[in-house]
């Protein structure tokens, strides 16, 4: 794994990860991480990526890990950051993949960057806030309603909630806990250091989910696969259904009985689908 810092305008930087050292000629897949995580690409999928000839590229979103804080960032502004990273690495076209809120950032990347994005894999992505025909908070765990409802009131309100000692309760199931005992215990590995640079990675993520995306998922021209668990209470499956109905190129796979966490058990088949699109 290569790690480097890419300089962005206004004196800020993005901390970047790249598995290019594994060999040339691989299809780049830009990974968008969840909330709160750092941007290291998904180790549980490294073997599948090697088998499929994929190269992982990723970065800490602003405010996480080694990337500078950017107040007011949006789905579209992070897509511009992704383009900067790709340019710095000499990558023209690439696929994108993301988990949880990262799935939304992957979709935004495709909407903003057009033909540069060759395919999109989103696991448990979140739909735009205030989307017509979607009860955005319906089915979320109370902690999610509290965090995102406060974020909708603005950055200062979300920061005040964080400073109050608020602790997000994911309401893990027995199946979730069993998942974490296996390779996907990696989620804890990228979660624990996520806030080492301060709380604003998570705060600005939450606020970004309630701001206008700055792009329209309906304009995506690349093929899209949406994977969502029917038992997801962090980002309910209605979000996946809304995105599928509003992205003309999208295929939705609702995975019966899967939660927000166990949906990652389908990530390898998602990568196989992504490889077939290119």
C-alpha atoms as a PDB file:
ATOM      1  CA  UNK A   1       0.000   0.000   0.000  1.00  0.00           C
ATOM      2  CA  UNK A   2       1.265   3.430  -0.986  1.00  0.00           C
ATOM      3  CA  UNK A   3       0.171   6.371   1.182  1.00  0.00           C
ATOM      4  CA  UNK A   4       0.732   9.972   0.183  1.00  0.00           C
ATOM      5  CA  UNK A   5      -0.646  13.458   0.692  1.00  0.00           C
ATOM      6  CA  UNK A   6      -2.117  15.251  -2.298  1.00  0.00           C
ATOM      7  CA  UNK A   7      -2.227  19.021  -2.167  1.00  0.00           C
ATOM      8  CA  UNK A   8      -5.543  20.675  -2.996  1.00  0.00           C
ATOM      9  CA  UNK A   9      -6.277  24.369  -3.525  1.00  0.00           C
ATOM     10  CA  UNK A  10      -6.491  26.793  -0.607  1.00  0.00           C
ATOM     11  CA  UNK A  11      -3.574  25.158   1.189  1.00  0.00           C
ATOM     12  CA  UNK A  12      -5.274  21.940   2.182  1.00  0.00           C
ATOM     13  CA  UNK A  13      -4.341  18.322   1.578  1.00  0.00           C
ATOM     14  CA  UNK A  14      -5.953  14.910   1.199  1.00  0.00           C
ATOM     15  CA  UNK A  15      -4.409  11.737   2.590  1.00  0.00           C
ATOM     16  CA  UNK A  16      -4.470   9.136  -0.194  1.00  0.00           C
ATOM     17  CA  UNK A  17      -4.110   5.335  -0.334  1.00  0.00           C
ATOM     18  CA  UNK A  18      -3.159   3.386  -3.455  1.00  0.00           C
ATOM     19  CA  UNK A  19      -2.504  -0.317  -4.085  1.00  0.00           C
ATOM     20  CA  UNK A  20      -0.755   0.385  -7.420  1.00  0.00           C
ATOM     21  CA  UNK A  21       2.333  -1.441  -6.154  1.00  0.00           C
ATOM     22  CA  UNK A  22       0.438  -4.721  -6.589  1.00  0.00           C
ATOM     23  CA  UNK A  23       0.959  -4.487 -10.349  1.00  0.00           C
ATOM     24  CA  UNK A  24       0.272  -2.419 -13.440  1.00  0.00           C
ATOM     25  CA  UNK A  25      -2.694  -2.658 -15.764  1.00  0.00           C
ATOM     26  CA  UNK A  26      -5.300  -2.999 -13.047  1.00  0.00           C
ATOM     27  CA  UNK A  27      -8.657  -1.226 -13.222  1.00  0.00           C
ATOM     28  CA  UNK A  28      -8.681   1.591 -10.634  1.00  0.00           C
ATOM     29  CA  UNK A  29     -11.606   1.525  -8.210  1.00  0.00           C
ATOM     30  CA  UNK A  30     -11.942   4.614  -6.040  1.00  0.00           C
ATOM     31  CA  UNK A  31     -13.292   3.627  -2.614  1.00  0.00           C
ATOM     32  CA  UNK A  32     -15.505   6.009  -0.603  1.00  0.00           C
ATOM     33  CA  UNK A  33     -15.509   5.148   3.091  1.00  0.00           C
ATOM     34  CA  UNK A  34     -18.361   5.206   5.598  1.00  0.00           C
ATOM     35  CA  UNK A  35     -19.029   7.411   8.628  1.00  0.00           C
ATOM     36  CA  UNK A  36     -16.974   7.630  10.778  1.00  0.00           C
ATOM     37  CA  UNK A  37     -14.041   5.866   9.100  1.00  0.00           C
ATOM     38  CA  UNK A  38     -10.687   6.712   7.633  1.00  0.00           C
ATOM     39  CA  UNK A  39     -10.283   6.088   3.939  1.00  0.00           C
ATOM     40  CA  UNK A  40      -8.058   3.014   3.827  1.00  0.00           C
ATOM     41  CA  UNK A  41      -9.443   0.642   1.164  1.00  0.00           C
ATOM     42  CA  UNK A  42     -11.318  -2.485   2.326  1.00  0.00           C
ATOM     43  CA  UNK A  43      -8.865  -5.188   3.352  1.00  0.00           C
ATOM     44  CA  UNK A  44     -11.561  -7.907   3.361  1.00  0.00           C
ATOM     45  CA  UNK A  45     -11.891  -7.351  -0.410  1.00  0.00           C
ATOM     46  CA  UNK A  46      -8.185  -7.348  -1.257  1.00  0.00           C
ATOM     47  CA  UNK A  47      -8.134 -11.006  -2.358  1.00  0.00           C
ATOM     48  CA  UNK A  48     -11.181 -10.485  -4.571  1.00  0.00           C
ATOM     49  CA  UNK A  49      -9.630  -7.342  -6.045  1.00  0.00           C
ATOM     50  CA  UNK A  50      -6.436  -9.240  -6.845  1.00  0.00           C
ATOM     51  CA  UNK A  51      -8.459 -11.990  -8.527  1.00  0.00           C
ATOM     52  CA  UNK A  52     -10.434  -9.467 -10.566  1.00  0.00           C
ATOM     53  CA  UNK A  53      -7.476  -7.283 -11.507  1.00  0.00           C
ATOM     54  CA  UNK A  54      -8.588  -4.221  -9.534  1.00  0.00           C
ATOM     55  CA  UNK A  55      -6.475  -1.429  -8.060  1.00  0.00           C
ATOM     56  CA  UNK A  56      -7.807   0.308  -4.962  1.00  0.00           C
ATOM     57  CA  UNK A  57      -7.468   4.080  -4.663  1.00  0.00           C
ATOM     58  CA  UNK A  58      -9.022   5.999  -1.782  1.00  0.00           C
ATOM     59  CA  UNK A  59      -8.628   9.001   0.499  1.00  0.00           C
ATOM     60  CA  UNK A  60      -9.643  10.260   3.922  1.00  0.00           C
ATOM     61  CA  UNK A  61     -12.555  12.635   3.416  1.00  0.00           C
ATOM     62  CA  UNK A  62     -11.873  16.156   4.688  1.00  0.00           C
ATOM     63  CA  UNK A  63     -11.664  16.207   8.477  1.00  0.00           C
ATOM     64  CA  UNK A  64     -10.749  12.532   8.833  1.00  0.00           C
ATOM     65  CA  UNK A  65      -7.286  11.081   9.383  1.00  0.00           C
ATOM     66  CA  UNK A  66      -4.709  13.070   7.455  1.00  0.00           C
ATOM     67  CA  UNK A  67      -7.097  15.229   5.376  1.00  0.00           C
ATOM     68  CA  UNK A  68      -7.761  18.883   6.149  1.00  0.00           C
ATOM     69  CA  UNK A  69     -11.129  19.988   7.536  1.00  0.00           C
ATOM     70  CA  UNK A  70     -13.462  21.675   5.010  1.00  0.00           C
ATOM     71  CA  UNK A  71     -16.550  23.255   6.586  1.00  0.00           C
ATOM     72  CA  UNK A  72     -19.629  23.077   4.397  1.00  0.00           C
ATOM     73  CA  UNK A  73     -18.342  20.319   2.123  1.00  0.00           C
ATOM     74  CA  UNK A  74     -20.941  18.553  -0.010  1.00  0.00           C
ATOM     75  CA  UNK A  75     -21.328  15.362  -2.004  1.00  0.00           C
ATOM     76  CA  UNK A  76     -20.333  17.320  -5.120  1.00  0.00           C
ATOM     77  CA  UNK A  77     -17.307  19.014  -3.554  1.00  0.00           C
ATOM     78  CA  UNK A  78     -15.923  15.640  -2.459  1.00  0.00           C
ATOM     79  CA  UNK A  79     -16.404  14.414  -6.030  1.00  0.00           C
ATOM     80  CA  UNK A  80     -14.142  17.284  -7.095  1.00  0.00           C
ATOM     81  CA  UNK A  81     -11.616  16.081  -4.502  1.00  0.00           C
ATOM     82  CA  UNK A  82     -11.821  12.602  -6.022  1.00  0.00           C
ATOM     83  CA  UNK A  83     -11.016  14.067  -9.431  1.00  0.00           C
ATOM     84  CA  UNK A  84      -7.997  15.859  -7.933  1.00  0.00           C
ATOM     85  CA  UNK A  85      -6.741  12.590  -6.445  1.00  0.00           C
ATOM     86  CA  UNK A  86      -7.213  10.731  -9.738  1.00  0.00           C
ATOM     87  CA  UNK A  87      -5.392  13.494 -11.626  1.00  0.00           C
ATOM     88  CA  UNK A  88      -2.504  13.427  -9.158  1.00  0.00           C
ATOM     89  CA  UNK A  89      -2.125   9.671  -9.699  1.00  0.00           C
ATOM     90  CA  UNK A  90      -2.384   9.948 -13.480  1.00  0.00           C
ATOM     91  CA  UNK A  91      -5.719   8.100 -13.605  1.00  0.00           C
ATOM     92  CA  UNK A  92      -8.156   9.125 -16.327  1.00  0.00           C
ATOM     93  CA  UNK A  93     -11.130   6.766 -16.008  1.00  0.00           C
ATOM     94  CA  UNK A  94     -12.054   4.615 -13.029  1.00  0.00           C
ATOM     95  CA  UNK A  95     -14.887   2.869 -11.215  1.00  0.00           C
ATOM     96  CA  UNK A  96     -16.204   3.926  -7.808  1.00  0.00           C
ATOM     97  CA  UNK A  97     -17.458   1.948  -4.826  1.00  0.00           C
ATOM     98  CA  UNK A  98     -18.663   3.006  -1.410  1.00  0.00           C
ATOM     99  CA  UNK A  99     -20.238   1.727   1.761  1.00  0.00           C
ATOM    100  CA  UNK A 100     -22.888   3.468   3.880  1.00  0.00           C
ATOM    101  CA  UNK A 101     -22.570   7.240   3.418  1.00  0.00           C
ATOM    102  CA  UNK A 102     -19.654   6.422   1.133  1.00  0.00           C
ATOM    103  CA  UNK A 103     -22.154   4.881  -1.254  1.00  0.00           C
ATOM    104  CA  UNK A 104     -23.764   8.300  -1.627  1.00  0.00           C
ATOM    105  CA  UNK A 105     -20.364   9.881  -2.247  1.00  0.00           C
ATOM    106  CA  UNK A 106     -19.693   7.236  -4.920  1.00  0.00           C
ATOM    107  CA  UNK A 107     -22.967   8.140  -6.633  1.00  0.00           C
ATOM    108  CA  UNK A 108     -22.111  11.828  -6.420  1.00  0.00           C
ATOM    109  CA  UNK A 109     -18.741  11.119  -7.991  1.00  0.00           C
ATOM    110  CA  UNK A 110     -20.460   9.509 -10.983  1.00  0.00           C
ATOM    111  CA  UNK A 111     -22.962  12.368 -11.268  1.00  0.00           C
ATOM    112  CA  UNK A 112     -20.263  15.058 -11.219  1.00  0.00           C
ATOM    113  CA  UNK A 113     -17.492  13.379 -13.203  1.00  0.00           C
ATOM    114  CA  UNK A 114     -19.605  11.866 -15.965  1.00  0.00           C
ATOM    115  CA  UNK A 115     -17.712   9.656 -18.411  1.00  0.00           C
ATOM    116  CA  UNK A 116     -14.648   9.459 -16.162  1.00  0.00           C
ATOM    117  CA  UNK A 117     -16.623   7.021 -13.971  1.00  0.00           C
ATOM    118  CA  UNK A 118     -17.121   3.633 -15.602  1.00  0.00           C
ATOM    119  CA  UNK A 119     -19.301   1.939 -12.985  1.00  0.00           C
ATOM    120  CA  UNK A 120     -20.708   2.450  -9.490  1.00  0.00           C
ATOM    121  CA  UNK A 121     -21.129   0.028  -6.591  1.00  0.00           C
ATOM    122  CA  UNK A 122     -23.055   1.409  -3.609  1.00  0.00           C
ATOM    123  CA  UNK A 123     -23.673  -0.597  -0.448  1.00  0.00           C
ATOM    124  CA  UNK A 124     -26.333   0.899   1.849  1.00  0.00           C
ATOM    125  CA  UNK A 125     -26.084   4.411   0.411  1.00  0.00           C
ATOM    126  CA  UNK A 126     -28.211   7.290   1.695  1.00  0.00           C
ATOM    127  CA  UNK A 127     -30.648   9.212  -0.533  1.00  0.00           C
ATOM    128  CA  UNK A 128     -30.722  13.019  -0.794  1.00  0.00           C
ATOM    129  CA  UNK A 129     -32.271  14.790   2.172  1.00  0.00           C
ATOM    130  CA  UNK A 130     -35.752  16.090   1.486  1.00  0.00           C
ATOM    131  CA  UNK A 131     -36.159  13.818  -1.541  1.00  0.00           C
ATOM    132  CA  UNK A 132     -39.698  13.874  -2.927  1.00  0.00           C
ATOM    133  CA  UNK A 133     -41.653  10.769  -2.033  1.00  0.00           C
ATOM    134  CA  UNK A 134     -39.258   9.567   0.673  1.00  0.00           C
ATOM    135  CA  UNK A 135     -39.841   9.723   4.425  1.00  0.00           C
ATOM    136  CA  UNK A 136     -36.122  10.203   5.026  1.00  0.00           C
ATOM    137  CA  UNK A 137     -36.002   9.351   8.744  1.00  0.00           C
ATOM    138  CA  UNK A 138     -38.566   6.529   8.711  1.00  0.00           C
ATOM    139  CA  UNK A 139     -37.142   3.302  10.130  1.00  0.00           C
ATOM    140  CA  UNK A 140     -33.869   4.802  11.433  1.00  0.00           C
ATOM    141  CA  UNK A 141     -32.556   3.944  14.877  1.00  0.00           C
ATOM    142  CA  UNK A 142     -33.191   6.777  17.363  1.00  0.00           C
ATOM    143  CA  UNK A 143     -29.492   7.698  17.403  1.00  0.00           C
ATOM    144  CA  UNK A 144     -29.562   8.213  13.656  1.00  0.00           C
ATOM    145  CA  UNK A 145     -32.598  10.446  13.908  1.00  0.00           C
ATOM    146  CA  UNK A 146     -30.858  12.458  16.639  1.00  0.00           C
ATOM    147  CA  UNK A 147     -27.543  12.829  14.797  1.00  0.00           C
ATOM    148  CA  UNK A 148     -28.927  13.586  11.353  1.00  0.00           C
ATOM    149  CA  UNK A 149     -31.882  15.589  12.607  1.00  0.00           C
ATOM    150  CA  UNK A 150     -29.462  17.830  14.479  1.00  0.00           C
ATOM    151  CA  UNK A 151     -27.172  17.989  11.437  1.00  0.00           C
ATOM    152  CA  UNK A 152     -30.111  19.301   9.414  1.00  0.00           C
ATOM    153  CA  UNK A 153     -30.180  22.281  11.795  1.00  0.00           C
ATOM    154  CA  UNK A 154     -26.597  23.133  10.805  1.00  0.00           C
ATOM    155  CA  UNK A 155     -22.947  22.493  11.613  1.00  0.00           C
ATOM    156  CA  UNK A 156     -22.988  24.353  14.924  1.00  0.00           C
ATOM    157  CA  UNK A 157     -25.992  22.384  16.163  1.00  0.00           C
ATOM    158  CA  UNK A 158     -24.389  19.058  15.172  1.00  0.00           C
ATOM    159  CA  UNK A 159     -21.105  20.080  16.829  1.00  0.00           C
ATOM    160  CA  UNK A 160     -22.961  20.997  20.015  1.00  0.00           C
ATOM    161  CA  UNK A 161     -24.584  17.557  20.068  1.00  0.00           C
ATOM    162  CA  UNK A 162     -21.151  15.954  19.675  1.00  0.00           C
ATOM    163  CA  UNK A 163     -19.700  18.083  22.479  1.00  0.00           C
ATOM    164  CA  UNK A 164     -22.564  17.092  24.783  1.00  0.00           C
ATOM    165  CA  UNK A 165     -21.218  13.547  25.022  1.00  0.00           C
ATOM    166  CA  UNK A 166     -23.681  12.094  22.521  1.00  0.00           C
ATOM    167  CA  UNK A 167     -22.922   8.454  21.775  1.00  0.00           C
ATOM    168  CA  UNK A 168     -24.369   6.852  18.647  1.00  0.00           C
ATOM    169  CA  UNK A 169     -26.064   3.514  19.393  1.00  0.00           C
ATOM    170  CA  UNK A 170     -26.099   1.299  16.290  1.00  0.00           C
ATOM    171  CA  UNK A 171     -28.276  -1.281  18.084  1.00  0.00           C
ATOM    172  CA  UNK A 172     -26.100  -4.136  16.855  1.00  0.00           C
ATOM    173  CA  UNK A 173     -27.787  -7.492  16.289  1.00  0.00           C
ATOM    174  CA  UNK A 174     -26.292 -10.888  17.064  1.00  0.00           C
ATOM    175  CA  UNK A 175     -25.574 -11.286  13.349  1.00  0.00           C
ATOM    176  CA  UNK A 176     -23.733  -7.947  13.311  1.00  0.00           C
ATOM    177  CA  UNK A 177     -21.562  -8.960  16.246  1.00  0.00           C
ATOM    178  CA  UNK A 178     -20.784 -12.301  14.590  1.00  0.00           C
ATOM    179  CA  UNK A 179     -19.753 -10.450  11.412  1.00  0.00           C
ATOM    180  CA  UNK A 180     -17.256  -8.361  13.355  1.00  0.00           C
ATOM    181  CA  UNK A 181     -15.583 -11.552  14.614  1.00  0.00           C
ATOM    182  CA  UNK A 182     -14.540 -12.339  11.035  1.00  0.00           C
ATOM    183  CA  UNK A 183     -12.651 -10.414   8.324  1.00  0.00           C
ATOM    184  CA  UNK A 184     -15.102  -7.532   8.483  1.00  0.00           C
ATOM    185  CA  UNK A 185     -13.891  -6.774  11.970  1.00  0.00           C
ATOM    186  CA  UNK A 186     -11.775  -4.482   9.776  1.00  0.00           C
ATOM    187  CA  UNK A 187     -14.608  -1.952  10.123  1.00  0.00           C
ATOM    188  CA  UNK A 188     -13.454  -1.401  13.689  1.00  0.00           C
ATOM    189  CA  UNK A 189      -9.891  -0.936  12.468  1.00  0.00           C
ATOM    190  CA  UNK A 190     -10.868   2.004  10.236  1.00  0.00           C
ATOM    191  CA  UNK A 191     -13.416   3.340  12.707  1.00  0.00           C
ATOM    192  CA  UNK A 192     -11.233   3.722  15.773  1.00  0.00           C
ATOM    193  CA  UNK A 193      -8.695   6.195  14.252  1.00  0.00           C
ATOM    194  CA  UNK A 194     -11.296   8.099  12.236  1.00  0.00           C
ATOM    195  CA  UNK A 195     -11.644  10.969  14.675  1.00  0.00           C
ATOM    196  CA  UNK A 196      -7.973  11.250  15.590  1.00  0.00           C
ATOM    197  CA  UNK A 197      -7.827  14.581  13.762  1.00  0.00           C
ATOM    198  CA  UNK A 198     -10.870  15.843  15.671  1.00  0.00           C
ATOM    199  CA  UNK A 199     -14.657  15.456  15.494  1.00  0.00           C
ATOM    200  CA  UNK A 200     -15.291  17.356  12.265  1.00  0.00           C
ATOM    201  CA  UNK A 201     -14.937  14.444   9.879  1.00  0.00           C
ATOM    202  CA  UNK A 202     -18.055  12.887  11.362  1.00  0.00           C
ATOM    203  CA  UNK A 203     -19.823  16.205  11.960  1.00  0.00           C
ATOM    204  CA  UNK A 204     -19.253  17.395   8.395  1.00  0.00           C
ATOM    205  CA  UNK A 205     -20.281  14.015   6.992  1.00  0.00           C
ATOM    206  CA  UNK A 206     -23.594  14.173   8.839  1.00  0.00           C
ATOM    207  CA  UNK A 207     -24.194  17.764   7.764  1.00  0.00           C
ATOM    208  CA  UNK A 208     -23.348  16.898   4.150  1.00  0.00           C
ATOM    209  CA  UNK A 209     -26.062  14.248   4.092  1.00  0.00           C
ATOM    210  CA  UNK A 210     -28.630  16.920   4.912  1.00  0.00           C
ATOM    211  CA  UNK A 211     -27.333  19.539   2.458  1.00  0.00           C
ATOM    212  CA  UNK A 212     -28.182  19.670  -1.225  1.00  0.00           C
ATOM    213  CA  UNK A 213     -25.849  17.246  -2.987  1.00  0.00           C
ATOM    214  CA  UNK A 214     -24.856  19.806  -5.608  1.00  0.00           C
ATOM    215  CA  UNK A 215     -25.441  17.161  -8.275  1.00  0.00           C
ATOM    216  CA  UNK A 216     -28.294  15.000  -9.524  1.00  0.00           C
ATOM    217  CA  UNK A 217     -28.086  11.186  -9.262  1.00  0.00           C
ATOM    218  CA  UNK A 218     -30.571  11.097 -12.115  1.00  0.00           C
ATOM    219  CA  UNK A 219     -27.835  12.280 -14.485  1.00  0.00           C
ATOM    220  CA  UNK A 220     -25.516   9.320 -13.857  1.00  0.00           C
ATOM    221  CA  UNK A 221     -24.690   7.581 -17.132  1.00  0.00           C
ATOM    222  CA  UNK A 222     -22.485   4.788 -15.738  1.00  0.00           C
ATOM    223  CA  UNK A 223     -24.042   1.457 -14.708  1.00  0.00           C
ATOM    224  CA  UNK A 224     -24.966   1.435 -11.005  1.00  0.00           C
ATOM    225  CA  UNK A 225     -25.506  -1.462  -8.598  1.00  0.00           C
ATOM    226  CA  UNK A 226     -27.268  -0.645  -5.325  1.00  0.00           C
ATOM    227  CA  UNK A 227     -27.027  -3.258  -2.563  1.00  0.00           C
ATOM    228  CA  UNK A 228     -29.205  -2.709   0.502  1.00  0.00           C
ATOM    229  CA  UNK A 229     -30.288  -4.909   3.396  1.00  0.00           C
ATOM    230  CA  UNK A 230     -34.006  -5.145   4.120  1.00  0.00           C
ATOM    231  CA  UNK A 231     -33.298  -4.973   7.869  1.00  0.00           C
ATOM    232  CA  UNK A 232     -31.041  -1.903   7.705  1.00  0.00           C
ATOM    233  CA  UNK A 233     -32.016   0.585  10.413  1.00  0.00           C
ATOM    234  CA  UNK A 234     -29.004   2.873  10.054  1.00  0.00           C
ATOM    235  CA  UNK A 235     -29.914   3.794   6.448  1.00  0.00           C
ATOM    236  CA  UNK A 236     -33.242   2.088   5.773  1.00  0.00           C
ATOM    237  CA  UNK A 237     -33.792   0.189   2.538  1.00  0.00           C
ATOM    238  CA  UNK A 238     -36.309   2.808   1.391  1.00  0.00           C
ATOM    239  CA  UNK A 239     -33.280   4.978   0.587  1.00  0.00           C
ATOM    240  CA  UNK A 240     -31.991   2.323  -1.802  1.00  0.00           C
ATOM    241  CA  UNK A 241     -35.423   1.999  -3.376  1.00  0.00           C
ATOM    242  CA  UNK A 242     -35.651   5.769  -3.898  1.00  0.00           C
ATOM    243  CA  UNK A 243     -32.200   5.895  -5.486  1.00  0.00           C
ATOM    244  CA  UNK A 244     -33.049   2.989  -7.792  1.00  0.00           C
ATOM    245  CA  UNK A 245     -36.224   4.760  -8.914  1.00  0.00           C
ATOM    246  CA  UNK A 246     -34.333   7.980  -9.680  1.00  0.00           C
ATOM    247  CA  UNK A 247     -31.111   6.647 -11.240  1.00  0.00           C
ATOM    248  CA  UNK A 248     -31.974   5.443 -14.762  1.00  0.00           C
ATOM    249  CA  UNK A 249     -28.935   3.165 -14.964  1.00  0.00           C
ATOM    250  CA  UNK A 250     -29.367   1.577 -11.509  1.00  0.00           C
ATOM    251  CA  UNK A 251     -30.031  -2.011 -10.547  1.00  0.00           C
ATOM    252  CA  UNK A 252     -31.255  -2.557  -6.965  1.00  0.00           C
ATOM    253  CA  UNK A 253     -30.641  -5.762  -5.051  1.00  0.00           C
ATOM    254  CA  UNK A 254     -32.537  -5.840  -1.770  1.00  0.00           C
ATOM    255  CA  UNK A 255     -30.849  -8.477   0.378  1.00  0.00           C
ATOM    256  CA  UNK A 256     -33.418 -10.186   2.584  1.00  0.00           C
ATOM    257  CA  UNK A 257     -32.566 -10.227   6.279  1.00  0.00           C
ATOM    258  CA  UNK A 258     -29.364  -8.208   5.968  1.00  0.00           C
ATOM    259  CA  UNK A 259     -28.592  -5.246   8.212  1.00  0.00           C
ATOM    260  CA  UNK A 260     -26.525  -2.149   7.589  1.00  0.00           C
ATOM    261  CA  UNK A 261     -23.479  -4.191   8.541  1.00  0.00           C
ATOM    262  CA  UNK A 262     -24.110  -7.696   7.196  1.00  0.00           C
ATOM    263  CA  UNK A 263     -24.723  -6.203   3.733  1.00  0.00           C
ATOM    264  CA  UNK A 264     -20.921  -6.212   3.357  1.00  0.00           C
ATOM    265  CA  UNK A 265     -21.151 -10.001   2.969  1.00  0.00           C
ATOM    266  CA  UNK A 266     -22.415  -9.194  -0.552  1.00  0.00           C
ATOM    267  CA  UNK A 267     -19.565  -6.811  -1.375  1.00  0.00           C
ATOM    268  CA  UNK A 268     -17.509  -9.402  -3.260  1.00  0.00           C
ATOM    269  CA  UNK A 269     -20.381 -10.239  -5.598  1.00  0.00           C
ATOM    270  CA  UNK A 270     -20.793  -6.488  -6.053  1.00  0.00           C
ATOM    271  CA  UNK A 271     -17.147  -6.202  -7.102  1.00  0.00           C
ATOM    272  CA  UNK A 272     -17.634  -9.053  -9.560  1.00  0.00           C
ATOM    273  CA  UNK A 273     -20.600  -7.184 -11.043  1.00  0.00           C
ATOM    274  CA  UNK A 274     -18.514  -3.998 -11.232  1.00  0.00           C
ATOM    275  CA  UNK A 275     -15.701  -5.783 -13.074  1.00  0.00           C
ATOM    276  CA  UNK A 276     -18.140  -7.148 -15.646  1.00  0.00           C
ATOM    277  CA  UNK A 277     -19.241  -3.615 -16.532  1.00  0.00           C
ATOM    278  CA  UNK A 278     -15.773  -2.532 -17.665  1.00  0.00           C
END
